[in-house]
Amino acid sequence: MRETYWNCYKKIAYQFFYYKRFQIFLNAVNNGITAFCGLTALSSVAAWGLWKSYPLLWSFLICMAQLVQAIFPKLPYNDMLCSTKFMICSLDKLLLSIRHSWLEIDVYDYTDEHILEIIAKYEAQYSELVSQFYSGTYLPEIRYCEKKAEEECIAYFNTYYPQ
């Protein structure tokens, strides 16, 4: 039963690190879009002389920048970014509780039934957090975020539980 608890612990820890990496990734995307729109607007004013040489190019760039700025607030990942911020804080607290319970399991001789109750409690708490902050939507699987989350998860467990 301890192995089942450990697997639950690892799964929730991985999710915590995935949410963190997802937030970092989306912030980078937001910054890139903002930089593109800002640079396009600034360069179009600064390059009045080039308008005569490449009018279609500048018209296209300005049109794209304006279109992106118009739909930017309505992009679905903006809601996910906000939800992820709150999810990370809540998952951090849950992870601390799980870690504390693991140490108790290590010290006290808990029965399999008691360990199952603890696992069920933490899985239910995680499920409630997902429903509260994402209400039916799921984070997309981004390979970069998955890889980084795996690395951070391994580092986390090596820090707290060196072998």
N, C-alpha and C. Protein backbone atom coordinates (compact mmCIF):
# COMPACT_ATOMS: atom_id res chain seq x y z
N MET A 1 0.82 -1.19 0.00
CA MET A 1 0.00 0.00 0.00
C MET A 1 0.87 1.26 0.00
N ARG A 2 2.04 1.15 0.60
CA ARG A 2 2.95 2.30 0.62
C ARG A 2 3.36 2.66 -0.82
N GLU A 3 3.49 1.66 -1.67
CA GLU A 3 3.86 1.91 -3.06
C GLU A 3 2.74 2.66 -3.79
N THR A 4 1.51 2.32 -3.49
CA THR A 4 0.36 3.01 -4.08
C THR A 4 0.36 4.47 -3.64
N TYR A 5 0.63 4.70 -2.36
CA TYR A 5 0.70 6.07 -1.85
C TYR A 5 1.83 6.83 -2.56
N TRP A 6 2.97 6.18 -2.67
CA TRP A 6 4.12 6.81 -3.32
C TRP A 6 3.80 7.18 -4.77
N ASN A 7 3.10 6.31 -5.48
CA ASN A 7 2.72 6.60 -6.86
C ASN A 7 1.76 7.78 -6.94
N CYS A 8 0.84 7.85 -6.00
CA CYS A 8 -0.08 8.99 -5.93
C CYS A 8 0.70 10.28 -5.68
N TYR A 9 1.63 10.22 -4.76
CA TYR A 9 2.50 11.35 -4.42
C TYR A 9 3.27 11.82 -5.67
N LYS A 10 3.87 10.88 -6.39
CA LYS A 10 4.64 11.22 -7.58
C LYS A 10 3.75 11.82 -8.67
N LYS A 11 2.55 11.28 -8.82
CA LYS A 11 1.63 11.78 -9.85
C LYS A 11 1.23 13.23 -9.57
N ILE A 12 0.89 13.52 -8.33
CA ILE A 12 0.48 14.89 -7.99
C ILE A 12 1.67 15.85 -8.04
N ALA A 13 2.84 15.38 -7.65
CA ALA A 13 4.04 16.22 -7.74
C ALA A 13 4.33 16.55 -9.21
N TYR A 14 4.21 15.55 -10.08
CA TYR A 14 4.43 15.78 -11.51
C TYR A 14 3.43 16.82 -12.04
N GLN A 15 2.18 16.68 -11.64
CA GLN A 15 1.15 17.64 -12.09
C GLN A 15 1.50 19.06 -11.63
N PHE A 16 1.97 19.18 -10.40
CA PHE A 16 2.37 20.49 -9.87
C PHE A 16 3.45 21.11 -10.76
N PHE A 17 4.47 20.33 -11.09
CA PHE A 17 5.55 20.85 -11.91
C PHE A 17 5.10 21.10 -13.34
N TYR A 18 4.16 20.31 -13.84
CA TYR A 18 3.64 20.56 -15.19
C TYR A 18 2.88 21.89 -15.23
N TYR A 19 2.06 22.15 -14.22
CA TYR A 19 1.33 23.42 -14.18
C TYR A 19 2.30 24.60 -14.13
N LYS A 20 3.37 24.45 -13.35
CA LYS A 20 4.36 25.53 -13.28
C LYS A 20 5.01 25.75 -14.64
N ARG A 21 5.41 24.70 -15.32
CA ARG A 21 6.05 24.81 -16.63
C ARG A 21 5.07 25.35 -17.66
N PHE A 22 3.81 24.93 -17.56
CA PHE A 22 2.79 25.42 -18.48
C PHE A 22 2.62 26.92 -18.32
N GLN A 23 2.62 27.39 -17.08
CA GLN A 23 2.49 28.82 -16.83
C GLN A 23 3.68 29.59 -17.40
N ILE A 24 4.88 29.08 -17.21
CA ILE A 24 6.07 29.73 -17.75
C ILE A 24 5.99 29.78 -19.28
N PHE A 25 5.56 28.68 -19.88
CA PHE A 25 5.43 28.60 -21.34
C PHE A 25 4.42 29.62 -21.86
N LEU A 26 3.24 29.67 -21.22
CA LEU A 26 2.21 30.61 -21.68
C LEU A 26 2.63 32.06 -21.47
N ASN A 27 3.35 32.32 -20.39
CA ASN A 27 3.86 33.68 -20.19
C ASN A 27 4.81 34.07 -21.31
N ALA A 28 5.64 33.13 -21.76
CA ALA A 28 6.55 33.40 -22.88
C ALA A 28 5.77 33.66 -24.16
N VAL A 29 4.71 32.89 -24.40
CA VAL A 29 3.87 33.11 -25.58
C VAL A 29 3.22 34.49 -25.50
N ASN A 30 2.68 34.83 -24.34
CA ASN A 30 2.07 36.16 -24.16
C ASN A 30 3.08 37.27 -24.42
N ASN A 31 4.29 37.12 -23.88
CA ASN A 31 5.31 38.14 -24.08
C ASN A 31 5.69 38.24 -25.55
N GLY A 32 5.77 37.12 -26.25
CA GLY A 32 6.09 37.14 -27.67
C GLY A 32 5.03 37.86 -28.49
N ILE A 33 3.77 37.57 -28.19
CA ILE A 33 2.67 38.22 -28.92
C ILE A 33 2.65 39.72 -28.63
N THR A 34 2.84 40.08 -27.38
CA THR A 34 2.86 41.49 -26.99
C THR A 34 4.03 42.21 -27.67
N ALA A 35 5.19 41.57 -27.69
CA ALA A 35 6.37 42.17 -28.32
C ALA A 35 6.13 42.35 -29.83
N PHE A 36 5.55 41.33 -30.48
CA PHE A 36 5.27 41.44 -31.91
C PHE A 36 4.35 42.63 -32.20
N CYS A 37 3.28 42.73 -31.44
CA CYS A 37 2.32 43.82 -31.68
C CYS A 37 2.96 45.18 -31.41
N GLY A 38 3.70 45.26 -30.32
CA GLY A 38 4.34 46.54 -29.99
C GLY A 38 5.40 46.94 -31.00
N LEU A 39 6.24 46.00 -31.39
CA LEU A 39 7.29 46.31 -32.37
C LEU A 39 6.71 46.66 -33.73
N THR A 40 5.66 45.97 -34.11
CA THR A 40 5.03 46.27 -35.41
C THR A 40 4.45 47.68 -35.40
N ALA A 41 3.78 48.03 -34.33
CA ALA A 41 3.20 49.38 -34.25
C ALA A 41 4.29 50.44 -34.23
N LEU A 42 5.34 50.21 -33.44
CA LEU A 42 6.42 51.19 -33.36
C LEU A 42 7.21 51.29 -34.66
N SER A 43 7.49 50.16 -35.28
CA SER A 43 8.29 50.19 -36.51
C SER A 43 7.51 50.77 -37.68
N SER A 44 6.20 50.59 -37.67
CA SER A 44 5.42 51.14 -38.79
C SER A 44 5.44 52.67 -38.75
N VAL A 45 5.44 53.24 -37.59
CA VAL A 45 5.51 54.70 -37.48
C VAL A 45 6.92 55.18 -37.82
N ALA A 46 7.92 54.41 -37.34
CA ALA A 46 9.32 54.82 -37.56
C ALA A 46 9.76 54.63 -39.01
N ALA A 47 9.08 53.79 -39.76
CA ALA A 47 9.52 53.48 -41.12
C ALA A 47 8.64 54.11 -42.19
N TRP A 48 8.23 55.34 -41.98
CA TRP A 48 7.39 56.01 -42.99
C TRP A 48 8.07 56.03 -44.35
N GLY A 49 9.37 56.16 -44.34
CA GLY A 49 10.11 56.22 -45.61
C GLY A 49 10.05 54.92 -46.37
N LEU A 50 9.97 53.80 -45.68
CA LEU A 50 9.91 52.50 -46.33
C LEU A 50 8.51 52.15 -46.82
N TRP A 51 7.53 52.91 -46.40
CA TRP A 51 6.16 52.63 -46.82
C TRP A 51 6.05 52.66 -48.34
N LYS A 52 6.76 53.59 -48.94
CA LYS A 52 6.69 53.73 -50.40
C LYS A 52 7.32 52.53 -51.10
N SER A 53 8.35 51.96 -50.48
CA SER A 53 9.04 50.83 -51.11
C SER A 53 8.28 49.52 -50.95
N TYR A 54 7.72 49.30 -49.78
CA TYR A 54 7.05 48.02 -49.49
C TYR A 54 5.67 48.25 -48.87
N PRO A 55 4.76 48.88 -49.59
CA PRO A 55 3.47 49.19 -48.97
C PRO A 55 2.65 47.95 -48.59
N LEU A 56 2.71 46.88 -49.38
CA LEU A 56 1.94 45.68 -49.07
C LEU A 56 2.46 44.99 -47.80
N LEU A 57 3.78 44.96 -47.67
CA LEU A 57 4.38 44.33 -46.49
C LEU A 57 3.96 45.07 -45.23
N TRP A 58 4.09 46.38 -45.23
CA TRP A 58 3.74 47.14 -44.03
C TRP A 58 2.24 47.08 -43.75
N SER A 59 1.45 47.12 -44.80
CA SER A 59 0.00 47.02 -44.61
C SER A 59 -0.36 45.67 -43.99
N PHE A 60 0.27 44.60 -44.47
CA PHE A 60 0.02 43.26 -43.94
C PHE A 60 0.45 43.16 -42.48
N LEU A 61 1.65 43.66 -42.16
CA LEU A 61 2.15 43.58 -40.78
C LEU A 61 1.26 44.36 -39.81
N ILE A 62 0.86 45.54 -40.21
CA ILE A 62 -0.01 46.35 -39.34
C ILE A 62 -1.37 45.69 -39.18
N CYS A 63 -1.89 45.16 -40.27
CA CYS A 63 -3.18 44.47 -40.22
C CYS A 63 -3.10 43.26 -39.28
N MET A 64 -2.03 42.48 -39.39
CA MET A 64 -1.86 41.31 -38.51
C MET A 64 -1.73 41.73 -37.05
N ALA A 65 -0.96 42.78 -36.79
CA ALA A 65 -0.78 43.25 -35.42
C ALA A 65 -2.12 43.71 -34.83
N GLN A 66 -2.90 44.42 -35.62
CA GLN A 66 -4.19 44.89 -35.13
C GLN A 66 -5.15 43.72 -34.90
N LEU A 67 -5.11 42.75 -35.80
CA LEU A 67 -5.96 41.56 -35.65
C LEU A 67 -5.59 40.79 -34.38
N VAL A 68 -4.30 40.60 -34.17
CA VAL A 68 -3.85 39.87 -32.98
C VAL A 68 -4.25 40.63 -31.71
N GLN A 69 -4.07 41.94 -31.73
CA GLN A 69 -4.46 42.73 -30.55
C GLN A 69 -5.96 42.66 -30.30
N ALA A 70 -6.76 42.57 -31.35
CA ALA A 70 -8.21 42.50 -31.18
C ALA A 70 -8.65 41.17 -30.59
N ILE A 71 -8.04 40.06 -31.04
CA ILE A 71 -8.48 38.75 -30.54
C ILE A 71 -7.67 38.26 -29.35
N PHE A 72 -6.58 38.92 -29.04
CA PHE A 72 -5.68 38.50 -27.96
C PHE A 72 -6.40 38.25 -26.63
N PRO A 73 -7.25 39.17 -26.17
CA PRO A 73 -7.92 38.92 -24.87
C PRO A 73 -8.90 37.75 -24.92
N LYS A 74 -9.37 37.39 -26.10
CA LYS A 74 -10.37 36.32 -26.22
C LYS A 74 -9.75 34.94 -26.44
N LEU A 75 -8.44 34.85 -26.53
CA LEU A 75 -7.80 33.55 -26.74
C LEU A 75 -8.05 32.66 -25.52
N PRO A 76 -8.38 31.39 -25.75
CA PRO A 76 -8.76 30.52 -24.63
C PRO A 76 -7.64 30.27 -23.62
N TYR A 77 -6.41 30.36 -24.05
CA TYR A 77 -5.34 30.07 -23.10
C TYR A 77 -5.15 31.19 -22.08
N ASN A 78 -5.70 32.37 -22.34
CA ASN A 78 -5.61 33.43 -21.34
C ASN A 78 -6.37 33.05 -20.07
N ASP A 79 -7.53 32.39 -20.23
CA ASP A 79 -8.27 31.91 -19.06
C ASP A 79 -7.48 30.83 -18.35
N MET A 80 -6.85 29.94 -19.14
CA MET A 80 -6.04 28.87 -18.54
C MET A 80 -4.87 29.45 -17.76
N LEU A 81 -4.29 30.51 -18.27
CA LEU A 81 -3.15 31.13 -17.59
C LEU A 81 -3.56 31.66 -16.22
N CYS A 82 -4.71 32.28 -16.17
CA CYS A 82 -5.23 32.79 -14.90
C CYS A 82 -5.54 31.63 -13.94
N SER A 83 -6.20 30.61 -14.45
CA SER A 83 -6.53 29.44 -13.62
C SER A 83 -5.28 28.74 -13.12
N THR A 84 -4.28 28.66 -13.98
CA THR A 84 -3.05 27.96 -13.63
C THR A 84 -2.36 28.65 -12.46
N LYS A 85 -2.41 29.96 -12.44
CA LYS A 85 -1.78 30.71 -11.34
C LYS A 85 -2.38 30.29 -10.00
N PHE A 86 -3.69 30.17 -9.93
CA PHE A 86 -4.33 29.77 -8.68
C PHE A 86 -4.14 28.28 -8.40
N MET A 87 -4.11 27.49 -9.45
CA MET A 87 -3.92 26.05 -9.30
C MET A 87 -2.56 25.74 -8.69
N ILE A 88 -1.53 26.45 -9.13
CA ILE A 88 -0.18 26.21 -8.63
C ILE A 88 -0.11 26.46 -7.13
N CYS A 89 -0.70 27.54 -6.66
CA CYS A 89 -0.70 27.84 -5.22
C CYS A 89 -1.41 26.75 -4.43
N SER A 90 -2.55 26.33 -4.92
CA SER A 90 -3.32 25.30 -4.22
C SER A 90 -2.61 23.95 -4.25
N LEU A 91 -2.01 23.62 -5.38
CA LEU A 91 -1.29 22.36 -5.49
C LEU A 91 -0.05 22.34 -4.60
N ASP A 92 0.58 23.48 -4.43
CA ASP A 92 1.74 23.57 -3.55
C ASP A 92 1.35 23.19 -2.13
N LYS A 93 0.21 23.70 -1.67
CA LYS A 93 -0.28 23.36 -0.33
C LYS A 93 -0.63 21.88 -0.24
N LEU A 94 -1.26 21.35 -1.28
CA LEU A 94 -1.62 19.94 -1.29
C LEU A 94 -0.36 19.07 -1.26
N LEU A 95 0.63 19.46 -2.01
CA LEU A 95 1.89 18.71 -2.04
C LEU A 95 2.58 18.70 -0.68
N LEU A 96 2.51 19.81 0.02
CA LEU A 96 3.07 19.86 1.38
C LEU A 96 2.33 18.89 2.31
N SER A 97 1.02 18.84 2.20
CA SER A 97 0.24 17.91 3.02
C SER A 97 0.58 16.46 2.69
N ILE A 98 0.72 16.17 1.41
CA ILE A 98 1.05 14.81 0.99
C ILE A 98 2.43 14.42 1.52
N ARG A 99 3.37 15.34 1.43
CA ARG A 99 4.73 15.08 1.93
C ARG A 99 4.70 14.83 3.44
N HIS A 100 3.94 15.64 4.16
CA HIS A 100 3.82 15.48 5.61
C HIS A 100 3.21 14.11 5.94
N SER A 101 2.18 13.74 5.22
CA SER A 101 1.54 12.44 5.46
C SER A 101 2.49 11.29 5.14
N TRP A 102 3.31 11.46 4.12
CA TRP A 102 4.29 10.42 3.79
C TRP A 102 5.26 10.21 4.95
N LEU A 103 5.67 11.32 5.54
CA LEU A 103 6.58 11.21 6.69
C LEU A 103 5.90 10.53 7.87
N GLU A 104 4.61 10.82 8.06
CA GLU A 104 3.86 10.15 9.13
C GLU A 104 3.73 8.66 8.86
N ILE A 105 3.47 8.31 7.61
CA ILE A 105 3.36 6.90 7.25
C ILE A 105 4.69 6.20 7.53
N ASP A 106 5.76 6.92 7.28
CA ASP A 106 7.10 6.36 7.53
C ASP A 106 7.36 6.15 9.02
N VAL A 107 6.87 7.08 9.84
CA VAL A 107 7.13 7.01 11.29
C VAL A 107 6.16 6.07 12.00
N TYR A 108 4.87 6.23 11.74
CA TYR A 108 3.85 5.41 12.39
C TYR A 108 3.57 4.18 11.54
N ASP A 109 3.10 3.19 12.16
CA ASP A 109 2.79 1.95 11.44
C ASP A 109 1.32 1.96 11.05
N TYR A 110 1.00 2.68 9.94
CA TYR A 110 -0.37 2.78 9.48
C TYR A 110 -0.81 1.48 8.82
N THR A 111 -2.08 1.17 8.99
CA THR A 111 -2.64 -0.01 8.32
C THR A 111 -2.90 0.33 6.86
N ASP A 112 -3.10 -0.71 6.06
CA ASP A 112 -3.39 -0.50 4.64
C ASP A 112 -4.68 0.29 4.45
N GLU A 113 -5.66 0.05 5.30
CA GLU A 113 -6.94 0.76 5.21
C GLU A 113 -6.75 2.26 5.46
N HIS A 114 -5.93 2.57 6.45
CA HIS A 114 -5.68 3.97 6.78
C HIS A 114 -4.93 4.66 5.63
N ILE A 115 -3.97 3.98 5.05
CA ILE A 115 -3.23 4.54 3.91
C ILE A 115 -4.17 4.75 2.72
N LEU A 116 -5.08 3.80 2.49
CA LEU A 116 -6.06 3.96 1.41
C LEU A 116 -6.95 5.18 1.62
N GLU A 117 -7.34 5.42 2.87
CA GLU A 117 -8.16 6.59 3.18
C GLU A 117 -7.40 7.88 2.87
N ILE A 118 -6.12 7.88 3.22
CA ILE A 118 -5.30 9.07 2.95
C ILE A 118 -5.16 9.29 1.44
N ILE A 119 -4.92 8.22 0.70
CA ILE A 119 -4.80 8.32 -0.76
C ILE A 119 -6.10 8.86 -1.35
N ALA A 120 -7.21 8.31 -0.93
CA ALA A 120 -8.51 8.75 -1.44
C ALA A 120 -8.75 10.22 -1.13
N LYS A 121 -8.37 10.65 0.06
CA LYS A 121 -8.54 12.05 0.46
C LYS A 121 -7.75 12.97 -0.47
N TYR A 122 -6.50 12.63 -0.73
CA TYR A 122 -5.66 13.50 -1.57
C TYR A 122 -6.08 13.46 -3.03
N GLU A 123 -6.49 12.32 -3.52
CA GLU A 123 -6.97 12.25 -4.90
C GLU A 123 -8.25 13.07 -5.06
N ALA A 124 -9.11 13.02 -4.06
CA ALA A 124 -10.34 13.81 -4.10
C ALA A 124 -10.03 15.31 -4.06
N GLN A 125 -9.06 15.70 -3.23
CA GLN A 125 -8.68 17.11 -3.17
C GLN A 125 -8.11 17.59 -4.51
N TYR A 126 -7.29 16.75 -5.12
CA TYR A 126 -6.73 17.11 -6.43
C TYR A 126 -7.85 17.25 -7.46
N SER A 127 -8.76 16.32 -7.47
CA SER A 127 -9.88 16.35 -8.40
C SER A 127 -10.73 17.60 -8.20
N GLU A 128 -10.94 17.97 -6.95
CA GLU A 128 -11.71 19.19 -6.65
C GLU A 128 -11.00 20.43 -7.18
N LEU A 129 -9.68 20.47 -7.03
CA LEU A 129 -8.93 21.61 -7.54
C LEU A 129 -9.04 21.73 -9.06
N VAL A 130 -8.94 20.60 -9.74
CA VAL A 130 -9.06 20.61 -11.20
C VAL A 130 -10.44 21.10 -11.60
N SER A 131 -11.49 20.59 -10.93
CA SER A 131 -12.85 21.04 -11.27
C SER A 131 -13.07 22.51 -10.95
N GLN A 132 -12.49 22.95 -9.85
CA GLN A 132 -12.68 24.34 -9.43
C GLN A 132 -12.02 25.31 -10.41
N PHE A 133 -10.80 25.01 -10.81
CA PHE A 133 -10.07 25.98 -11.62
C PHE A 133 -10.18 25.76 -13.12
N TYR A 134 -10.52 24.56 -13.56
CA TYR A 134 -10.56 24.30 -14.99
C TYR A 134 -11.92 23.87 -15.51
N SER A 135 -12.82 23.51 -14.65
CA SER A 135 -14.20 23.15 -14.97
C SER A 135 -14.38 22.52 -16.36
N GLY A 136 -13.81 21.36 -16.51
CA GLY A 136 -14.04 20.58 -17.72
C GLY A 136 -13.01 20.77 -18.82
N THR A 137 -12.19 21.79 -18.74
CA THR A 137 -11.16 21.95 -19.76
C THR A 137 -9.87 21.31 -19.26
N TYR A 138 -9.09 20.83 -20.17
CA TYR A 138 -7.84 20.19 -19.82
C TYR A 138 -6.68 20.96 -20.43
N LEU A 139 -5.56 20.92 -19.75
CA LEU A 139 -4.38 21.56 -20.30
C LEU A 139 -3.90 20.76 -21.51
N PRO A 140 -3.45 21.46 -22.52
CA PRO A 140 -2.91 20.73 -23.66
C PRO A 140 -1.59 20.05 -23.28
N GLU A 141 -1.29 18.97 -23.96
CA GLU A 141 -0.04 18.27 -23.70
C GLU A 141 1.04 18.91 -24.56
N ILE A 142 1.95 19.57 -23.90
CA ILE A 142 3.05 20.24 -24.58
C ILE A 142 4.32 19.49 -24.20
N ARG A 143 4.97 18.91 -25.17
CA ARG A 143 6.12 18.04 -24.91
C ARG A 143 7.21 18.75 -24.12
N TYR A 144 7.47 20.01 -24.44
CA TYR A 144 8.48 20.78 -23.71
C TYR A 144 8.14 20.86 -22.23
N CYS A 145 6.89 21.17 -21.93
CA CYS A 145 6.45 21.27 -20.53
C CYS A 145 6.52 19.92 -19.83
N GLU A 146 6.15 18.86 -20.54
CA GLU A 146 6.22 17.52 -19.96
C GLU A 146 7.65 17.15 -19.59
N LYS A 147 8.57 17.42 -20.50
CA LYS A 147 9.98 17.08 -20.27
C LYS A 147 10.53 17.86 -19.07
N LYS A 148 10.27 19.15 -19.03
CA LYS A 148 10.75 19.99 -17.92
C LYS A 148 10.11 19.57 -16.60
N ALA A 149 8.83 19.23 -16.63
CA ALA A 149 8.14 18.79 -15.41
C ALA A 149 8.75 17.49 -14.89
N GLU A 150 9.07 16.58 -15.79
CA GLU A 150 9.70 15.32 -15.38
C GLU A 150 11.05 15.59 -14.72
N GLU A 151 11.84 16.48 -15.32
CA GLU A 151 13.14 16.82 -14.76
C GLU A 151 13.01 17.44 -13.37
N GLU A 152 12.07 18.37 -13.22
CA GLU A 152 11.88 19.04 -11.94
C GLU A 152 11.32 18.08 -10.89
N CYS A 153 10.49 17.16 -11.32
CA CYS A 153 9.93 16.16 -10.40
C CYS A 153 11.04 15.25 -9.88
N ILE A 154 11.92 14.82 -10.76
CA ILE A 154 13.05 13.98 -10.34
C ILE A 154 13.94 14.75 -9.37
N ALA A 155 14.22 16.01 -9.69
CA ALA A 155 15.04 16.84 -8.80
C ALA A 155 14.37 17.01 -7.43
N TYR A 156 13.05 17.20 -7.43
CA TYR A 156 12.30 17.36 -6.18
C TYR A 156 12.46 16.12 -5.30
N PHE A 157 12.24 14.95 -5.88
CA PHE A 157 12.32 13.72 -5.09
C PHE A 157 13.76 13.40 -4.69
N ASN A 158 14.72 13.77 -5.53
CA ASN A 158 16.12 13.57 -5.14
C ASN A 158 16.54 14.51 -4.01
N THR A 159 15.93 15.67 -3.94
CA THR A 159 16.23 16.62 -2.87
C THR A 159 15.65 16.13 -1.54
N TYR A 160 14.38 15.74 -1.54
CA TYR A 160 13.73 15.34 -0.29
C TYR A 160 13.98 13.89 0.08
N TYR A 161 14.23 13.05 -0.90
CA TYR A 161 14.42 11.62 -0.63
C TYR A 161 15.64 11.10 -1.38
N PRO A 162 16.85 11.56 -0.97
CA PRO A 162 18.04 11.11 -1.70
C PRO A 162 18.24 9.60 -1.52
N GLN A 163 18.81 9.02 -2.56
CA GLN A 163 18.99 7.56 -2.51
C GLN A 163 20.44 7.23 -2.26
